[in-house]
C-alpha atoms as a PDB file:
ATOM      1  CA  MET A   1      15.239   1.290 -14.938  1.00  0.00           C
ATOM      2  CA  PRO A   2      14.585   0.023 -11.396  1.00  0.00           C
ATOM      3  CA  PHE A   3      13.651   2.581  -8.768  1.00  0.00           C
ATOM      4  CA  GLU A   4      16.535   4.865  -7.917  1.00  0.00           C
ATOM      5  CA  THR A   5      17.932   4.533  -4.453  1.00  0.00           C
ATOM      6  CA  SER A   6      18.327   7.270  -1.899  1.00  0.00           C
ATOM      7  CA  SER A   7      20.083   7.175   1.439  1.00  0.00           C
ATOM      8  CA  THR A   8      16.976   7.936   3.512  1.00  0.00           C
ATOM      9  CA  PRO A   9      13.285   8.316   2.692  1.00  0.00           C
ATOM     10  CA  ALA A  10      11.942  11.850   2.634  1.00  0.00           C
ATOM     11  CA  VAL A  11       9.360  12.755   5.260  1.00  0.00           C
ATOM     12  CA  PRO A  12       7.518  15.804   3.935  1.00  0.00           C
ATOM     13  CA  THR A  13       4.127  16.479   5.487  1.00  0.00           C
ATOM     14  CA  THR A  14       3.056  19.924   4.387  1.00  0.00           C
ATOM     15  CA  GLY A  15       2.589  22.235   1.441  1.00  0.00           C
ATOM     16  CA  ASP A  16       3.399  21.273  -2.127  1.00  0.00           C
ATOM     17  CA  ASP A  17       5.267  18.111  -1.031  1.00  0.00           C
ATOM     18  CA  ARG A  18       1.955  16.359  -0.375  1.00  0.00           C
ATOM     19  CA  LEU A  19       1.543  13.663  -2.988  1.00  0.00           C
ATOM     20  CA  LEU A  20      -1.797  12.490  -1.566  1.00  0.00           C
ATOM     21  CA  GLU A  21      -4.187  14.725   0.333  1.00  0.00           C
ATOM     22  CA  VAL A  22      -7.558  13.535   1.612  1.00  0.00           C
ATOM     23  CA  VAL A  23     -10.044  15.985   3.103  1.00  0.00           C
ATOM     24  CA  GLY A  24     -13.370  15.168   4.778  1.00  0.00           C
ATOM     25  CA  LEU A  25     -13.665  11.797   3.026  1.00  0.00           C
ATOM     26  CA  SER A  26     -16.744   9.664   3.711  1.00  0.00           C
ATOM     27  CA  SER A  27     -18.062   6.519   2.046  1.00  0.00           C
ATOM     28  CA  HIS A  28     -21.227   4.517   2.692  1.00  0.00           C
ATOM     29  CA  TYR A  29     -22.488   0.987   2.274  1.00  0.00           C
ATOM     30  CA  GLY A  30     -26.156   1.795   1.829  1.00  0.00           C
ATOM     31  CA  PRO A  31     -27.190   3.714   4.949  1.00  0.00           C
ATOM     32  CA  VAL A  32     -24.052   2.689   6.871  1.00  0.00           C
ATOM     33  CA  CYS A  33     -21.181   5.178   6.948  1.00  0.00           C
ATOM     34  CA  ALA A  34     -18.058   2.993   6.684  1.00  0.00           C
ATOM     35  CA  ILE A  35     -15.533   5.851   6.768  1.00  0.00           C
ATOM     36  CA  HIS A  36     -16.443   9.246   8.152  1.00  0.00           C
ATOM     37  CA  GLN A  37     -14.805  12.632   7.516  1.00  0.00           C
ATOM     38  CA  VAL A  38     -11.295  11.227   7.130  1.00  0.00           C
ATOM     39  CA  ASP A  39      -8.426  13.692   6.719  1.00  0.00           C
ATOM     40  CA  LEU A  40      -4.952  12.408   5.895  1.00  0.00           C
ATOM     41  CA  SER A  41      -1.926  13.180   3.766  1.00  0.00           C
ATOM     42  CA  VAL A  42       1.099  11.348   2.396  1.00  0.00           C
ATOM     43  CA  GLY A  43       4.178  13.265   1.343  1.00  0.00           C
ATOM     44  CA  ALA A  44       6.337  12.209  -1.579  1.00  0.00           C
ATOM     45  CA  GLY A  45       8.801   9.597  -0.322  1.00  0.00           C
ATOM     46  CA  GLU A  46       6.958   8.857   2.916  1.00  0.00           C
ATOM     47  CA  LEU A  47       5.977   5.532   4.407  1.00  0.00           C
ATOM     48  CA  VAL A  48       2.739   6.169   6.291  1.00  0.00           C
ATOM     49  CA  ALA A  49       0.809   3.548   8.266  1.00  0.00           C
ATOM     50  CA  ILE A  50      -2.920   3.356   8.968  1.00  0.00           C
ATOM     51  CA  VAL A  51      -3.604   0.929  11.796  1.00  0.00           C
ATOM     52  CA  GLY A  52      -6.764  -0.277  13.486  1.00  0.00           C
ATOM     53  CA  GLY A  53      -8.707  -3.370  14.436  1.00  0.00           C
ATOM     54  CA  ASN A  54     -11.047  -5.533  12.390  1.00  0.00           C
ATOM     55  CA  GLY A  55     -13.974  -3.534  11.058  1.00  0.00           C
ATOM     56  CA  ALA A  56     -12.249  -0.190  11.539  1.00  0.00           C
ATOM     57  CA  GLY A  57     -12.738   0.707   7.859  1.00  0.00           C
ATOM     58  CA  LYS A  58      -9.137   0.324   6.700  1.00  0.00           C
ATOM     59  CA  THR A  59      -9.878  -1.667   3.542  1.00  0.00           C
ATOM     60  CA  THR A  60     -12.869   0.534   2.681  1.00  0.00           C
ATOM     61  CA  LEU A  61     -10.624   3.574   2.947  1.00  0.00           C
ATOM     62  CA  LEU A  62      -8.063   2.126   0.530  1.00  0.00           C
ATOM     63  CA  HIS A  63     -10.785   1.015  -1.876  1.00  0.00           C
ATOM     64  CA  THR A  64     -12.197   4.531  -1.845  1.00  0.00           C
ATOM     65  CA  LEU A  65      -8.773   6.005  -2.576  1.00  0.00           C
ATOM     66  CA  SER A  66      -8.422   3.542  -5.484  1.00  0.00           C
ATOM     67  CA  GLY A  67     -11.836   4.345  -6.942  1.00  0.00           C
ATOM     68  CA  LEU A  68     -13.214   0.897  -6.090  1.00  0.00           C
ATOM     69  CA  ARG A  69     -15.734   2.417  -3.648  1.00  0.00           C
ATOM     70  CA  PRO A  70     -17.809   5.536  -4.339  1.00  0.00           C
ATOM     71  CA  ILE A  71     -17.236   8.721  -2.355  1.00  0.00           C
ATOM     72  CA  SER A  72     -20.125  10.161  -0.380  1.00  0.00           C
ATOM     73  CA  THR A  73     -18.437  13.409   0.630  1.00  0.00           C
ATOM     74  CA  GLY A  74     -14.957  14.900   0.638  1.00  0.00           C
ATOM     75  CA  GLN A  75     -12.051  15.154  -1.763  1.00  0.00           C
ATOM     76  CA  ILE A  76      -9.015  13.107  -2.793  1.00  0.00           C
ATOM     77  CA  ARG A  77      -6.143  14.996  -4.378  1.00  0.00           C
ATOM     78  CA  PHE A  78      -3.181  13.215  -5.953  1.00  0.00           C
ATOM     79  CA  ASP A  79      -0.215  15.294  -7.058  1.00  0.00           C
ATOM     80  CA  GLY A  80      -2.436  18.375  -7.024  1.00  0.00           C
ATOM     81  CA  GLN A  81      -5.255  16.860  -9.101  1.00  0.00           C
ATOM     82  CA  ASP A  82      -8.740  16.112  -7.804  1.00  0.00           C
ATOM     83  CA  ILE A  83      -9.171  12.364  -8.445  1.00  0.00           C
ATOM     84  CA  SER A  84     -12.229  11.983  -6.200  1.00  0.00           C
ATOM     85  CA  ARG A  85     -14.460  10.584  -8.928  1.00  0.00           C
ATOM     86  CA  TRP A  86     -11.936   9.153 -11.338  1.00  0.00           C
ATOM     87  CA  SER A  87     -12.401   5.582 -12.528  1.00  0.00           C
ATOM     88  CA  PRO A  88     -10.081   2.928 -11.040  1.00  0.00           C
ATOM     89  CA  HIS A  89      -8.174   2.448 -14.308  1.00  0.00           C
ATOM     90  CA  ARG A  90      -7.547   6.197 -14.596  1.00  0.00           C
ATOM     91  CA  ILE A  91      -6.269   6.295 -11.015  1.00  0.00           C
ATOM     92  CA  VAL A  92      -3.901   3.394 -11.741  1.00  0.00           C
ATOM     93  CA  ALA A  93      -2.705   5.167 -14.893  1.00  0.00           C
ATOM     94  CA  ALA A  94      -1.884   8.221 -12.759  1.00  0.00           C
ATOM     95  CA  GLY A  95       0.422   6.046 -10.638  1.00  0.00           C
ATOM     96  CA  VAL A  96      -1.694   4.880  -7.676  1.00  0.00           C
ATOM     97  CA  CYS A  97      -1.309   1.087  -7.430  1.00  0.00           C
ATOM     98  CA  GLN A  98      -2.950  -1.062  -4.764  1.00  0.00           C
ATOM     99  CA  VAL A  99      -2.022  -4.510  -3.481  1.00  0.00           C
ATOM    100  CA  LEU A 100      -5.378  -5.887  -2.418  1.00  0.00           C
ATOM    101  CA  GLU A 101      -6.081  -7.746   0.799  1.00  0.00           C
ATOM    102  CA  GLY A 102      -5.879 -11.472   0.172  1.00  0.00           C
ATOM    103  CA  ARG A 103      -3.285 -11.055  -2.616  1.00  0.00           C
ATOM    104  CA  GLN A 104      -5.667 -11.723  -5.561  1.00  0.00           C
ATOM    105  CA  VAL A 105      -3.087 -13.270  -7.877  1.00  0.00           C
ATOM    106  CA  PHE A 106      -4.137 -14.926 -11.149  1.00  0.00           C
ATOM    107  CA  ALA A 107      -3.988 -18.516  -9.911  1.00  0.00           C
ATOM    108  CA  SER A 108      -4.025 -20.233 -13.312  1.00  0.00           C
ATOM    109  CA  LEU A 109      -1.163 -18.118 -14.686  1.00  0.00           C
ATOM    110  CA  SER A 110       2.556 -18.404 -14.023  1.00  0.00           C
ATOM    111  CA  ILE A 111       4.555 -15.997 -11.882  1.00  0.00           C
ATOM    112  CA  GLU A 112       6.050 -14.572 -15.065  1.00  0.00           C
ATOM    113  CA  ASP A 113       2.641 -14.007 -16.669  1.00  0.00           C
ATOM    114  CA  ASN A 114       1.279 -12.376 -13.501  1.00  0.00           C
ATOM    115  CA  LEU A 115       4.162  -9.913 -13.619  1.00  0.00           C
ATOM    116  CA  ARG A 116       3.609  -9.260 -17.319  1.00  0.00           C
ATOM    117  CA  LEU A 117      -0.023  -8.395 -16.636  1.00  0.00           C
ATOM    118  CA  GLY A 118       1.082  -6.009 -13.898  1.00  0.00           C
ATOM    119  CA  GLY A 119       3.216  -4.218 -16.489  1.00  0.00           C
ATOM    120  CA  TYR A 120       0.550  -4.047 -19.196  1.00  0.00           C
ATOM    121  CA  ARG A 121       0.305  -0.250 -19.055  1.00  0.00           C
ATOM    122  CA  GLN A 122       4.071   0.012 -19.447  1.00  0.00           C
ATOM    123  CA  ARG A 123       4.221  -2.254 -22.523  1.00  0.00           C
ATOM    124  CA  HIS A 124       5.378   0.711 -24.623  1.00  0.00           C
ATOM    125  CA  ASP A 125       8.626   0.727 -22.595  1.00  0.00           C
ATOM    126  CA  PRO A 126       9.999  -2.840 -22.849  1.00  0.00           C
ATOM    127  CA  VAL A 127      13.467  -1.841 -21.650  1.00  0.00           C
ATOM    128  CA  TRP A 128      12.052  -0.480 -18.379  1.00  0.00           C
ATOM    129  CA  LEU A 129       9.767  -3.497 -18.026  1.00  0.00           C
ATOM    130  CA  ARG A 130      12.621  -5.987 -18.345  1.00  0.00           C
ATOM    131  CA  ALA A 131      14.766  -4.048 -15.895  1.00  0.00           C
ATOM    132  CA  GLN A 132      11.917  -3.687 -13.410  1.00  0.00           C
ATOM    133  CA  GLN A 133      11.013  -7.366 -13.652  1.00  0.00           C
ATOM    134  CA  GLU A 134      14.604  -8.269 -12.817  1.00  0.00           C
ATOM    135  CA  HIS A 135      14.433  -5.806  -9.934  1.00  0.00           C
ATOM    136  CA  VAL A 136      11.363  -7.637  -8.616  1.00  0.00           C
ATOM    137  CA  TYR A 137      13.211 -10.954  -8.923  1.00  0.00           C
ATOM    138  CA  SER A 138      16.136  -9.472  -7.000  1.00  0.00           C
ATOM    139  CA  LEU A 139      13.748  -8.428  -4.206  1.00  0.00           C
ATOM    140  CA  PHE A 140      12.102 -11.872  -4.160  1.00  0.00           C
ATOM    141  CA  PRO A 141      14.635 -14.514  -5.336  1.00  0.00           C
ATOM    142  CA  ILE A 142      12.146 -17.343  -4.724  1.00  0.00           C
ATOM    143  CA  LEU A 143       9.972 -15.880  -7.508  1.00  0.00           C
ATOM    144  CA  ALA A 144      12.928 -15.903  -9.889  1.00  0.00           C
ATOM    145  CA  GLU A 145      13.587 -19.559  -9.100  1.00  0.00           C
ATOM    146  CA  ARG A 146       9.956 -20.510  -9.778  1.00  0.00           C
ATOM    147  CA  ARG A 147       9.031 -18.006 -12.501  1.00  0.00           C
ATOM    148  CA  GLN A 148       7.166 -20.635 -14.573  1.00  0.00           C
ATOM    149  CA  GLN A 149       5.243 -22.035 -11.585  1.00  0.00           C
ATOM    150  CA  LEU A 150       1.483 -21.410 -11.463  1.00  0.00           C
ATOM    151  CA  ALA A 151       0.637 -18.667  -8.982  1.00  0.00           C
ATOM    152  CA  GLY A 152      -2.152 -20.737  -7.436  1.00  0.00           C
ATOM    153  CA  THR A 153       0.359 -23.340  -6.265  1.00  0.00           C
ATOM    154  CA  LEU A 154       2.468 -20.824  -4.331  1.00  0.00           C
ATOM    155  CA  SER A 155       2.383 -20.463  -0.557  1.00  0.00           C
ATOM    156  CA  GLY A 156       0.571 -17.495   0.958  1.00  0.00           C
ATOM    157  CA  GLY A 157       3.827 -15.663   1.534  1.00  0.00           C
ATOM    158  CA  GLN A 158       5.009 -16.245  -2.017  1.00  0.00           C
ATOM    159  CA  GLN A 159       1.665 -15.028  -3.368  1.00  0.00           C
ATOM    160  CA  GLN A 160       2.056 -11.852  -1.300  1.00  0.00           C
ATOM    161  CA  MET A 161       5.519 -11.340  -2.804  1.00  0.00           C
ATOM    162  CA  LEU A 162       4.043 -11.820  -6.274  1.00  0.00           C
ATOM    163  CA  ALA A 163       1.205  -9.376  -5.595  1.00  0.00           C
ATOM    164  CA  ILE A 164       3.667  -6.705  -4.486  1.00  0.00           C
ATOM    165  CA  GLY A 165       5.937  -7.436  -7.448  1.00  0.00           C
ATOM    166  CA  ARG A 166       3.023  -7.209  -9.866  1.00  0.00           C
ATOM    167  CA  ALA A 167       2.086  -3.794  -8.462  1.00  0.00           C
ATOM    168  CA  LEU A 168       5.663  -2.578  -8.925  1.00  0.00           C
ATOM    169  CA  LEU A 169       5.408  -3.403 -12.643  1.00  0.00           C
ATOM    170  CA  GLY A 170       2.620  -0.796 -12.772  1.00  0.00           C
ATOM    171  CA  ARG A 171       5.221   1.919 -12.136  1.00  0.00           C
ATOM    172  CA  PRO A 172       3.594   3.227  -8.943  1.00  0.00           C
ATOM    173  CA  ARG A 173       4.105   6.733  -7.685  1.00  0.00           C
ATOM    174  CA  LEU A 174       2.029   5.756  -4.649  1.00  0.00           C
ATOM    175  CA  LEU A 175       1.790   2.134  -3.484  1.00  0.00           C
ATOM    176  CA  LEU A 176      -1.231   1.193  -1.359  1.00  0.00           C
ATOM    177  CA  LEU A 177      -0.685  -1.978   0.683  1.00  0.00           C
ATOM    178  CA  ASP A 178      -3.718  -3.607   2.297  1.00  0.00           C
ATOM    179  CA  GLU A 179      -2.872  -5.965   5.180  1.00  0.00           C
ATOM    180  CA  PRO A 180       0.288  -7.470   3.617  1.00  0.00           C
ATOM    181  CA  SER A 181       0.998  -9.531   6.757  1.00  0.00           C
ATOM    182  CA  MET A 182      -2.430 -11.196   6.886  1.00  0.00           C
ATOM    183  CA  GLY A 183      -2.224 -14.963   7.339  1.00  0.00           C
ATOM    184  CA  LEU A 184       1.559 -15.123   7.162  1.00  0.00           C
ATOM    185  CA  ALA A 185       3.973 -16.822   9.541  1.00  0.00           C
ATOM    186  CA  PRO A 186       6.150 -14.454  11.632  1.00  0.00           C
ATOM    187  CA  LEU A 187       9.300 -15.065   9.572  1.00  0.00           C
ATOM    188  CA  LEU A 188       7.456 -14.260   6.346  1.00  0.00           C
ATOM    189  CA  VAL A 189       5.960 -11.143   7.905  1.00  0.00           C
ATOM    190  CA  GLU A 190       9.476 -10.022   8.756  1.00  0.00           C
ATOM    191  CA  GLU A 191      10.593 -10.626   5.163  1.00  0.00           C
ATOM    192  CA  ILE A 192       7.633  -8.763   3.642  1.00  0.00           C
ATOM    193  CA  PHE A 193       8.191  -5.777   5.920  1.00  0.00           C
ATOM    194  CA  ARG A 194      11.899  -5.779   5.103  1.00  0.00           C
ATOM    195  CA  VAL A 195      11.017  -5.446   1.427  1.00  0.00           C
ATOM    196  CA  ILE A 196       8.508  -2.676   2.156  1.00  0.00           C
ATOM    197  CA  VAL A 197      11.253  -0.705   3.911  1.00  0.00           C
ATOM    198  CA  GLU A 198      13.628  -1.348   1.008  1.00  0.00           C
ATOM    199  CA  LEU A 199      11.068  -0.128  -1.529  1.00  0.00           C
ATOM    200  CA  ASN A 200      10.559   3.046   0.458  1.00  0.00           C
ATOM    201  CA  ARG A 201      14.310   3.611   0.663  1.00  0.00           C
ATOM    202  CA  CYS A 202      14.383   3.234  -3.123  1.00  0.00           C
ATOM    203  CA  GLY A 203      11.944   6.121  -3.458  1.00  0.00           C
ATOM    204  CA  VAL A 204       8.519   4.444  -3.498  1.00  0.00           C
ATOM    205  CA  THR A 205       5.881   6.380  -1.560  1.00  0.00           C
ATOM    206  CA  ILE A 206       3.825   3.912   0.491  1.00  0.00           C
ATOM    207  CA  LEU A 207       0.536   4.016   2.360  1.00  0.00           C
ATOM    208  CA  LEU A 208       0.398   0.861   4.482  1.00  0.00           C
ATOM    209  CA  VAL A 209      -2.833  -0.408   6.049  1.00  0.00           C
ATOM    210  CA  GLU A 210      -2.236  -2.981   8.777  1.00  0.00           C
ATOM    211  CA  GLN A 211      -3.905  -4.691  11.699  1.00  0.00           C
ATOM    212  CA  ASN A 212      -0.429  -5.604  12.980  1.00  0.00           C
ATOM    213  CA  ALA A 213       0.042  -2.148  14.468  1.00  0.00           C
ATOM    214  CA  ARG A 214       3.364  -2.827  16.153  1.00  0.00           C
ATOM    215  CA  ALA A 215       5.038  -4.063  12.955  1.00  0.00           C
ATOM    216  CA  ALA A 216       3.555  -1.289  10.816  1.00  0.00           C
ATOM    217  CA  LEU A 217       4.471   1.561  13.153  1.00  0.00           C
ATOM    218  CA  ALA A 218       7.975   0.131  13.613  1.00  0.00           C
ATOM    219  CA  ILE A 219       8.771   0.828   9.943  1.00  0.00           C
ATOM    220  CA  ALA A 220       6.617   3.896   9.238  1.00  0.00           C
ATOM    221  CA  GLY A 221       7.513   7.548   9.574  1.00  0.00           C
ATOM    222  CA  ARG A 222       4.013   8.638  10.555  1.00  0.00           C
ATOM    223  CA  GLY A 223       0.859   6.829  11.540  1.00  0.00           C
ATOM    224  CA  TYR A 224      -2.895   7.226  11.733  1.00  0.00           C
ATOM    225  CA  ILE A 225      -5.208   5.321  14.083  1.00  0.00           C
ATOM    226  CA  LEU A 226      -8.537   4.435  12.440  1.00  0.00           C
ATOM    227  CA  GLU A 227     -11.437   3.361  14.626  1.00  0.00           C
ATOM    228  CA  THR A 228     -15.018   2.754  13.447  1.00  0.00           C
ATOM    229  CA  GLY A 229     -14.330   4.693  10.274  1.00  0.00           C
ATOM    230  CA  ARG A 230     -12.791   7.743  11.934  1.00  0.00           C
ATOM    231  CA  ILE A 231      -9.216   8.915  12.378  1.00  0.00           C
ATOM    232  CA  ILE A 232      -8.893   9.232  16.141  1.00  0.00           C
ATOM    233  CA  LYS A 233      -5.175   9.977  16.400  1.00  0.00           C
ATOM    234  CA  THR A 234      -2.219  10.838  14.204  1.00  0.00           C
ATOM    235  CA  ALA A 235       1.428  11.430  15.074  1.00  0.00           C
ATOM    236  CA  GLN A 236       4.944  10.356  14.260  1.00  0.00           C
ATOM    237  CA  ALA A 237       5.063   6.559  14.391  1.00  0.00           C
ATOM    238  CA  ALA A 238       7.548   6.560  17.269  1.00  0.00           C
ATOM    239  CA  GLU A 239       5.183   8.735  19.316  1.00  0.00           C
ATOM    240  CA  LEU A 240       2.283   6.343  18.677  1.00  0.00           C
ATOM    241  CA  LEU A 241       4.412   3.363  19.725  1.00  0.00           C
ATOM    242  CA  ALA A 242       5.209   5.139  22.986  1.00  0.00           C
ATOM    243  CA  ASP A 243       1.624   6.303  23.631  1.00  0.00           C
ATOM    244  CA  ASP A 244       0.134   4.382  26.574  1.00  0.00           C
ATOM    245  CA  ASP A 245      -3.423   4.450  25.190  1.00  0.00           C
ATOM    246  CA  VAL A 246      -2.270   3.209  21.787  1.00  0.00           C
ATOM    247  CA  ARG A 247      -0.129   0.507  23.362  1.00  0.00           C
ATOM    248  CA  ARG A 248      -3.012  -0.793  25.472  1.00  0.00           C
ATOM    249  CA  ALA A 249      -5.601  -0.695  22.682  1.00  0.00           C
ATOM    250  CA  TYR A 250      -3.569  -1.786  19.656  1.00  0.00           C
ATOM    251  CA  LEU A 251      -0.182  -3.146  20.687  1.00  0.00           C
ATOM    252  CA  GLY A 252      -1.219  -5.566  23.421  1.00  0.00           C
ATOM    253  CA  TYR A 253       1.007  -4.343  26.234  1.00  0.00           C
END
C-alpha cells in the first residue's frame, strides 16, 4: 500500500526515536579529509536539512552514509544497528535509499521501466509495488502521462521526479536527497519541494542535502550547517533562518 498519511510529521530528536545516528564520522579522499568528526541524528518521521556551499562535503557525507564512500573513523547507526561498514546493497535492503545528485536515471529505459528497477527488491510483493507505483504517478502526474517515454528525453525536472519516484519504489525507511533542486527552474524547485513535504507528511523520514539553504530550511524541522567538512551549527530550522550569521553566509540577506 502507499505510505500511510499522518496529520503532522513527528519530530523526535533523542533516545530510542533516533532512526539514524552518526557519531564522529570522518571520510578521506587519499590524504584529504572530506568530512571530519560529523555528529548528527535523524528521528523517525523527521525532515532534516543539511545545508552548505559548494565543496562543503554534503555529497561526500551522503555517499558515506550510503556505503558509497569508505569510513575513516566514527560510526553510523540505523535503527539501532551499526551499519558503518555495510555494503551499499545491504544498506539499501535495510531501507536507506538515496536519490543521487544529478538524478542518474537510466536514459535508454522508459519511465515505467525505471520505476520497475527501483522496485526490484520488492518484486516478491507485487500488490504493494502496483499500489506504490500508482502513488508515485499520483505525486507526479506528468510521469503517468508519459510512462512509456524514454527517461533520457525528459526535462531535468521530470528526471528529478522520476529519480525520487524510483527511490520510493525501494520502500525507504530513510530517504536521502542530494541537491534535488540543482539546475531546476524556480517553479520546478517549488514543485519538487512541495512533494518532499508531502512525502514527509505521509510518514517518510527524510535527510535533505541542499545548497539552496533558504528553500531547504523553510520545509525542514531541524537543520545542520556543514562547512569544509564540519558541522558548525545545528538548531531548529526556524532558528537557523532567523540567525543573522546564517542569513549573511548562506541565505544572501
